Amino acid sequence: MIRCHLARLMGERKMRISDVMRESGLSRTTITLLYKETALKVDLEALDKLCELFDCELNQLLERIPN
């Protein structure tokens, strides 16, 4: 299972979905799906933009948890 830590990263910086939309240029749908961990697939460009916005590495945004 893949866990997305977007909600935690946003909480640490007191950011809302609208803040992430404005600063990253990503759609509300993309951010919401990652925030709620309901995304089935993610564009690599979207991941890159989020890593840039939060100044983090991919492994701080996504984590694989063995079943």
PDB file of N, CA and C in Angstrom:
ATOM      1  N   MET A   1       0.848  -1.171   0.000  1.00  0.00           N
ATOM      2  CA  MET A   1       0.000   0.000   0.000  1.00  0.00           C
ATOM      3  C   MET A   1       0.899   1.242   0.000  1.00  0.00           C
ATOM      4  N   ILE A   2       0.488   2.243  -0.724  1.00  0.00           N
ATOM      5  CA  ILE A   2       1.220   3.508  -0.783  1.00  0.00           C
ATOM      6  C   ILE A   2       0.489   4.535   0.076  1.00  0.00           C
ATOM      7  N   ARG A   3       1.199   5.136   0.999  1.00  0.00           N
ATOM      8  CA  ARG A   3       0.642   6.201   1.850  1.00  0.00           C
ATOM      9  C   ARG A   3       1.130   7.544   1.339  1.00  0.00           C
ATOM     10  N   CYS A   4       0.253   8.518   1.340  1.00  0.00           N
ATOM     11  CA  CYS A   4       0.610   9.868   0.932  1.00  0.00           C
ATOM     12  C   CYS A   4       0.561  10.761   2.167  1.00  0.00           C
ATOM     13  N   HIS A   5       1.618  11.501   2.395  1.00  0.00           N
ATOM     14  CA  HIS A   5       1.726  12.335   3.587  1.00  0.00           C
ATOM     15  C   HIS A   5       1.437  13.810   3.292  1.00  0.00           C
ATOM     16  N   LEU A   6       0.678  14.067   2.240  1.00  0.00           N
ATOM     17  CA  LEU A   6       0.361  15.456   1.887  1.00  0.00           C
ATOM     18  C   LEU A   6      -0.400  16.150   3.013  1.00  0.00           C
ATOM     19  N   ALA A   7      -1.373  15.478   3.607  1.00  0.00           N
ATOM     20  CA  ALA A   7      -2.156  16.096   4.683  1.00  0.00           C
ATOM     21  C   ALA A   7      -1.255  16.505   5.848  1.00  0.00           C
ATOM     22  N   ARG A   8      -0.295  15.655   6.196  1.00  0.00           N
ATOM     23  CA  ARG A   8       0.632  15.977   7.290  1.00  0.00           C
ATOM     24  C   ARG A   8       1.509  17.163   6.932  1.00  0.00           C
ATOM     25  N   LEU A   9       2.057  17.157   5.710  1.00  0.00           N
ATOM     26  CA  LEU A   9       2.905  18.261   5.274  1.00  0.00           C
ATOM     27  C   LEU A   9       2.128  19.573   5.257  1.00  0.00           C
ATOM     28  N   MET A  10       0.893  19.517   4.795  1.00  0.00           N
ATOM     29  CA  MET A  10       0.064  20.721   4.772  1.00  0.00           C
ATOM     30  C   MET A  10      -0.242  21.192   6.198  1.00  0.00           C
ATOM     31  N   GLY A  11      -0.541  20.259   7.087  1.00  0.00           N
ATOM     32  CA  GLY A  11      -0.838  20.606   8.474  1.00  0.00           C
ATOM     33  C   GLY A  11       0.337  21.254   9.174  1.00  0.00           C
ATOM     34  N   GLU A  12       1.534  20.735   8.926  1.00  0.00           N
ATOM     35  CA  GLU A  12       2.734  21.297   9.546  1.00  0.00           C
ATOM     36  C   GLU A  12       2.958  22.747   9.125  1.00  0.00           C
ATOM     37  N   ARG A  13       2.532  23.068   7.918  1.00  0.00           N
ATOM     38  CA  ARG A  13       2.722  24.432   7.386  1.00  0.00           C
ATOM     39  C   ARG A  13       1.446  25.260   7.424  1.00  0.00           C
ATOM     40  N   LYS A  14       0.393  24.682   8.051  1.00  0.00           N
ATOM     41  CA  LYS A  14      -0.902  25.361   8.168  1.00  0.00           C
ATOM     42  C   LYS A  14      -1.413  25.841   6.801  1.00  0.00           C
ATOM     43  N   MET A  15      -1.344  24.939   5.821  1.00  0.00           N
ATOM     44  CA  MET A  15      -1.785  25.249   4.467  1.00  0.00           C
ATOM     45  C   MET A  15      -3.123  24.583   4.196  1.00  0.00           C
ATOM     46  N   ARG A  16      -3.929  25.250   3.388  1.00  0.00           N
ATOM     47  CA  ARG A  16      -5.208  24.696   2.941  1.00  0.00           C
ATOM     48  C   ARG A  16      -5.034  24.204   1.506  1.00  0.00           C
ATOM     49  N   ILE A  17      -6.014  23.457   1.038  1.00  0.00           N
ATOM     50  CA  ILE A  17      -5.973  22.973  -0.342  1.00  0.00           C
ATOM     51  C   ILE A  17      -5.870  24.146  -1.305  1.00  0.00           C
ATOM     52  N   SER A  18      -6.582  25.223  -1.035  1.00  0.00           N
ATOM     53  CA  SER A  18      -6.530  26.394  -1.921  1.00  0.00           C
ATOM     54  C   SER A  18      -5.137  27.016  -1.946  1.00  0.00           C
ATOM     55  N   ASP A  19      -4.417  26.968  -0.829  1.00  0.00           N
ATOM     56  CA  ASP A  19      -3.044  27.483  -0.791  1.00  0.00           C
ATOM     57  C   ASP A  19      -2.131  26.639  -1.686  1.00  0.00           C
ATOM     58  N   VAL A  20      -2.278  25.312  -1.586  1.00  0.00           N
ATOM     59  CA  VAL A  20      -1.457  24.408  -2.390  1.00  0.00           C
ATOM     60  C   VAL A  20      -1.786  24.588  -3.876  1.00  0.00           C
ATOM     61  N   MET A  21      -3.065  24.754  -4.187  1.00  0.00           N
ATOM     62  CA  MET A  21      -3.481  25.001  -5.579  1.00  0.00           C
ATOM     63  C   MET A  21      -2.791  26.243  -6.133  1.00  0.00           C
ATOM     64  N   ARG A  22      -2.868  27.310  -5.400  1.00  0.00           N
ATOM     65  CA  ARG A  22      -2.320  28.592  -5.847  1.00  0.00           C
ATOM     66  C   ARG A  22      -0.796  28.520  -6.017  1.00  0.00           C
ATOM     67  N   GLU A  23      -0.125  27.914  -5.063  1.00  0.00           N
ATOM     68  CA  GLU A  23       1.338  27.913  -5.074  1.00  0.00           C
ATOM     69  C   GLU A  23       1.955  26.847  -5.980  1.00  0.00           C
ATOM     70  N   SER A  24       1.203  25.773  -6.255  1.00  0.00           N
ATOM     71  CA  SER A  24       1.758  24.695  -7.077  1.00  0.00           C
ATOM     72  C   SER A  24       1.242  24.716  -8.511  1.00  0.00           C
ATOM     73  N   GLY A  25       0.060  25.310  -8.709  1.00  0.00           N
ATOM     74  CA  GLY A  25      -0.549  25.293 -10.036  1.00  0.00           C
ATOM     75  C   GLY A  25      -1.295  23.998 -10.329  1.00  0.00           C
ATOM     76  N   LEU A  26      -1.403  23.115  -9.345  1.00  0.00           N
ATOM     77  CA  LEU A  26      -2.123  21.859  -9.531  1.00  0.00           C
ATOM     78  C   LEU A  26      -3.621  22.062  -9.348  1.00  0.00           C
ATOM     79  N   SER A  27      -4.408  21.161  -9.906  1.00  0.00           N
ATOM     80  CA  SER A  27      -5.865  21.273  -9.802  1.00  0.00           C
ATOM     81  C   SER A  27      -6.337  20.868  -8.410  1.00  0.00           C
ATOM     82  N   ARG A  28      -7.510  21.371  -8.036  1.00  0.00           N
ATOM     83  CA  ARG A  28      -8.115  21.017  -6.750  1.00  0.00           C
ATOM     84  C   ARG A  28      -8.346  19.511  -6.679  1.00  0.00           C
ATOM     85  N   THR A  29      -8.767  18.911  -7.787  1.00  0.00           N
ATOM     86  CA  THR A  29      -9.034  17.469  -7.814  1.00  0.00           C
ATOM     87  C   THR A  29      -7.781  16.671  -7.490  1.00  0.00           C
ATOM     88  N   THR A  30      -6.676  17.009  -8.125  1.00  0.00           N
ATOM     89  CA  THR A  30      -5.425  16.297  -7.887  1.00  0.00           C
ATOM     90  C   THR A  30      -5.010  16.401  -6.430  1.00  0.00           C
ATOM     91  N   ILE A  31      -5.053  17.598  -5.889  1.00  0.00           N
ATOM     92  CA  ILE A  31      -4.635  17.813  -4.498  1.00  0.00           C
ATOM     93  C   ILE A  31      -5.572  17.098  -3.534  1.00  0.00           C
ATOM     94  N   THR A  32      -6.868  17.178  -3.781  1.00  0.00           N
ATOM     95  CA  THR A  32      -7.843  16.537  -2.903  1.00  0.00           C
ATOM     96  C   THR A  32      -7.680  15.027  -2.896  1.00  0.00           C
ATOM     97  N   LEU A  33      -7.469  14.428  -4.064  1.00  0.00           N
ATOM     98  CA  LEU A  33      -7.277  12.979  -4.133  1.00  0.00           C
ATOM     99  C   LEU A  33      -6.035  12.544  -3.356  1.00  0.00           C
ATOM    100  N   LEU A  34      -4.966  13.313  -3.451  1.00  0.00           N
ATOM    101  CA  LEU A  34      -3.751  12.988  -2.689  1.00  0.00           C
ATOM    102  C   LEU A  34      -3.961  13.254  -1.201  1.00  0.00           C
ATOM    103  N   TYR A  35      -4.614  14.347  -0.867  1.00  0.00           N
ATOM    104  CA  TYR A  35      -4.874  14.721   0.525  1.00  0.00           C
ATOM    105  C   TYR A  35      -5.681  13.636   1.243  1.00  0.00           C
ATOM    106  N   LYS A  36      -6.716  13.126   0.546  1.00  0.00           N
ATOM    107  CA  LYS A  36      -7.587  12.105   1.134  1.00  0.00           C
ATOM    108  C   LYS A  36      -7.073  10.683   0.908  1.00  0.00           C
ATOM    109  N   GLU A  37      -5.943  10.566   0.230  1.00  0.00           N
ATOM    110  CA  GLU A  37      -5.328   9.281  -0.087  1.00  0.00           C
ATOM    111  C   GLU A  37      -6.269   8.367  -0.870  1.00  0.00           C
ATOM    112  N   THR A  38      -6.985   8.951  -1.831  1.00  0.00           N
ATOM    113  CA  THR A  38      -7.886   8.171  -2.669  1.00  0.00           C
ATOM    114  C   THR A  38      -7.423   8.130  -4.125  1.00  0.00           C
ATOM    115  N   ALA A  39      -6.282   8.742  -4.426  1.00  0.00           N
ATOM    116  CA  ALA A  39      -5.766   8.756  -5.795  1.00  0.00           C
ATOM    117  C   ALA A  39      -5.337   7.346  -6.194  1.00  0.00           C
ATOM    118  N   LEU A  40      -5.687   6.954  -7.406  1.00  0.00           N
ATOM    119  CA  LEU A  40      -5.273   5.656  -7.917  1.00  0.00           C
ATOM    120  C   LEU A  40      -4.012   5.760  -8.756  1.00  0.00           C
ATOM    121  N   LYS A  41      -3.770   6.942  -9.312  1.00  0.00           N
ATOM    122  CA  LYS A  41      -2.543   7.191 -10.060  1.00  0.00           C
ATOM    123  C   LYS A  41      -2.214   8.674  -9.937  1.00  0.00           C
ATOM    124  N   VAL A  42      -0.926   8.976 -10.085  1.00  0.00           N
ATOM    125  CA  VAL A  42      -0.472  10.350  -9.908  1.00  0.00           C
ATOM    126  C   VAL A  42       0.520  10.683 -11.003  1.00  0.00           C
ATOM    127  N   ASP A  43       0.407  11.863 -11.542  1.00  0.00           N
ATOM    128  CA  ASP A  43       1.325  12.349 -12.552  1.00  0.00           C
ATOM    129  C   ASP A  43       2.667  12.693 -11.902  1.00  0.00           C
ATOM    130  N   LEU A  44       3.769  12.304 -12.556  1.00  0.00           N
ATOM    131  CA  LEU A  44       5.088  12.586 -11.996  1.00  0.00           C
ATOM    132  C   LEU A  44       5.339  14.084 -11.860  1.00  0.00           C
ATOM    133  N   GLU A  45       4.813  14.865 -12.777  1.00  0.00           N
ATOM    134  CA  GLU A  45       4.972  16.323 -12.695  1.00  0.00           C
ATOM    135  C   GLU A  45       4.288  16.874 -11.450  1.00  0.00           C
ATOM    136  N   ALA A  46       3.130  16.305 -11.097  1.00  0.00           N
ATOM    137  CA  ALA A  46       2.424  16.740  -9.893  1.00  0.00           C
ATOM    138  C   ALA A  46       3.255  16.435  -8.649  1.00  0.00           C
ATOM    139  N   LEU A  47       3.843  15.244  -8.604  1.00  0.00           N
ATOM    140  CA  LEU A  47       4.690  14.891  -7.468  1.00  0.00           C
ATOM    141  C   LEU A  47       5.893  15.820  -7.374  1.00  0.00           C
ATOM    142  N   ASP A  48       6.475  16.131  -8.519  1.00  0.00           N
ATOM    143  CA  ASP A  48       7.624  17.033  -8.545  1.00  0.00           C
ATOM    144  C   ASP A  48       7.248  18.417  -8.023  1.00  0.00           C
ATOM    145  N   LYS A  49       6.095  18.915  -8.427  1.00  0.00           N
ATOM    146  CA  LYS A  49       5.654  20.240  -7.972  1.00  0.00           C
ATOM    147  C   LYS A  49       5.407  20.247  -6.467  1.00  0.00           C
ATOM    148  N   LEU A  50       4.834  19.185  -5.951  1.00  0.00           N
ATOM    149  CA  LEU A  50       4.584  19.116  -4.507  1.00  0.00           C
ATOM    150  C   LEU A  50       5.889  19.017  -3.724  1.00  0.00           C
ATOM    151  N   CYS A  51       6.829  18.234  -4.223  1.00  0.00           N
ATOM    152  CA  CYS A  51       8.133  18.139  -3.554  1.00  0.00           C
ATOM    153  C   CYS A  51       8.838  19.490  -3.566  1.00  0.00           C
ATOM    154  N   GLU A  52       8.714  20.206  -4.656  1.00  0.00           N
ATOM    155  CA  GLU A  52       9.321  21.537  -4.738  1.00  0.00           C
ATOM    156  C   GLU A  52       8.637  22.506  -3.772  1.00  0.00           C
ATOM    157  N   LEU A  53       7.315  22.472  -3.741  1.00  0.00           N
ATOM    158  CA  LEU A  53       6.564  23.369  -2.858  1.00  0.00           C
ATOM    159  C   LEU A  53       6.901  23.127  -1.390  1.00  0.00           C
ATOM    160  N   PHE A  54       6.963  21.862  -0.995  1.00  0.00           N
ATOM    161  CA  PHE A  54       7.215  21.532   0.412  1.00  0.00           C
ATOM    162  C   PHE A  54       8.697  21.328   0.717  1.00  0.00           C
ATOM    163  N   ASP A  55       9.546  21.545  -0.276  1.00  0.00           N
ATOM    164  CA  ASP A  55      10.995  21.399  -0.111  1.00  0.00           C
ATOM    165  C   ASP A  55      11.315  20.062   0.552  1.00  0.00           C
ATOM    166  N   CYS A  56      10.799  18.992  -0.080  1.00  0.00           N
ATOM    167  CA  CYS A  56      10.992  17.664   0.484  1.00  0.00           C
ATOM    168  C   CYS A  56      11.382  16.688  -0.619  1.00  0.00           C
ATOM    169  N   GLU A  57      11.818  15.523  -0.204  1.00  0.00           N
ATOM    170  CA  GLU A  57      12.123  14.444  -1.130  1.00  0.00           C
ATOM    171  C   GLU A  57      10.867  13.602  -1.328  1.00  0.00           C
ATOM    172  N   LEU A  58      10.847  12.841  -2.396  1.00  0.00           N
ATOM    173  CA  LEU A  58       9.675  12.027  -2.718  1.00  0.00           C
ATOM    174  C   LEU A  58       9.325  11.063  -1.583  1.00  0.00           C
ATOM    175  N   ASN A  59      10.336  10.520  -0.915  1.00  0.00           N
ATOM    176  CA  ASN A  59      10.056   9.584   0.176  1.00  0.00           C
ATOM    177  C   ASN A  59       9.459  10.266   1.411  1.00  0.00           C
ATOM    178  N   GLN A  60       9.464  11.578   1.461  1.00  0.00           N
ATOM    179  CA  GLN A  60       8.791  12.295   2.549  1.00  0.00           C
ATOM    180  C   GLN A  60       7.334  12.563   2.192  1.00  0.00           C
ATOM    181  N   LEU A  61       7.006  12.462   0.918  1.00  0.00           N
ATOM    182  CA  LEU A  61       5.646  12.680   0.440  1.00  0.00           C
ATOM    183  C   LEU A  61       4.900  11.349   0.301  1.00  0.00           C
ATOM    184  N   LEU A  62       5.575  10.337  -0.228  1.00  0.00           N
ATOM    185  CA  LEU A  62       4.981   9.025  -0.428  1.00  0.00           C
ATOM    186  C   LEU A  62       5.781   7.972   0.327  1.00  0.00           C
ATOM    187  N   GLU A  63       5.062   6.963   0.822  1.00  0.00           N
ATOM    188  CA  GLU A  63       5.710   5.879   1.566  1.00  0.00           C
ATOM    189  C   GLU A  63       5.033   4.566   1.199  1.00  0.00           C
ATOM    190  N   ARG A  64       5.813   3.544   0.934  1.00  0.00           N
ATOM    191  CA  ARG A  64       5.269   2.229   0.662  1.00  0.00           C
ATOM    192  C   ARG A  64       5.227   1.429   1.958  1.00  0.00           C
ATOM    193  N   ILE A  65       4.036   0.932   2.271  1.00  0.00           N
ATOM    194  CA  ILE A  65       3.869   0.131   3.471  1.00  0.00           C
ATOM    195  C   ILE A  65       3.515  -1.286   3.016  1.00  0.00           C
ATOM    196  N   PRO A  66       4.342  -2.277   3.353  1.00  0.00           N
ATOM    197  CA  PRO A  66       4.065  -3.663   2.930  1.00  0.00           C
ATOM    198  C   PRO A  66       2.737  -4.143   3.483  1.00  0.00           C
ATOM    199  N   ASN A  67       2.066  -4.972   2.711  1.00  0.00           N
ATOM    200  CA  ASN A  67       0.761  -5.523   3.150  1.00  0.00           C
ATOM    201  C   ASN A  67       0.906  -6.521   4.253  1.00  0.00           C
TER     202      ASN A  67
END
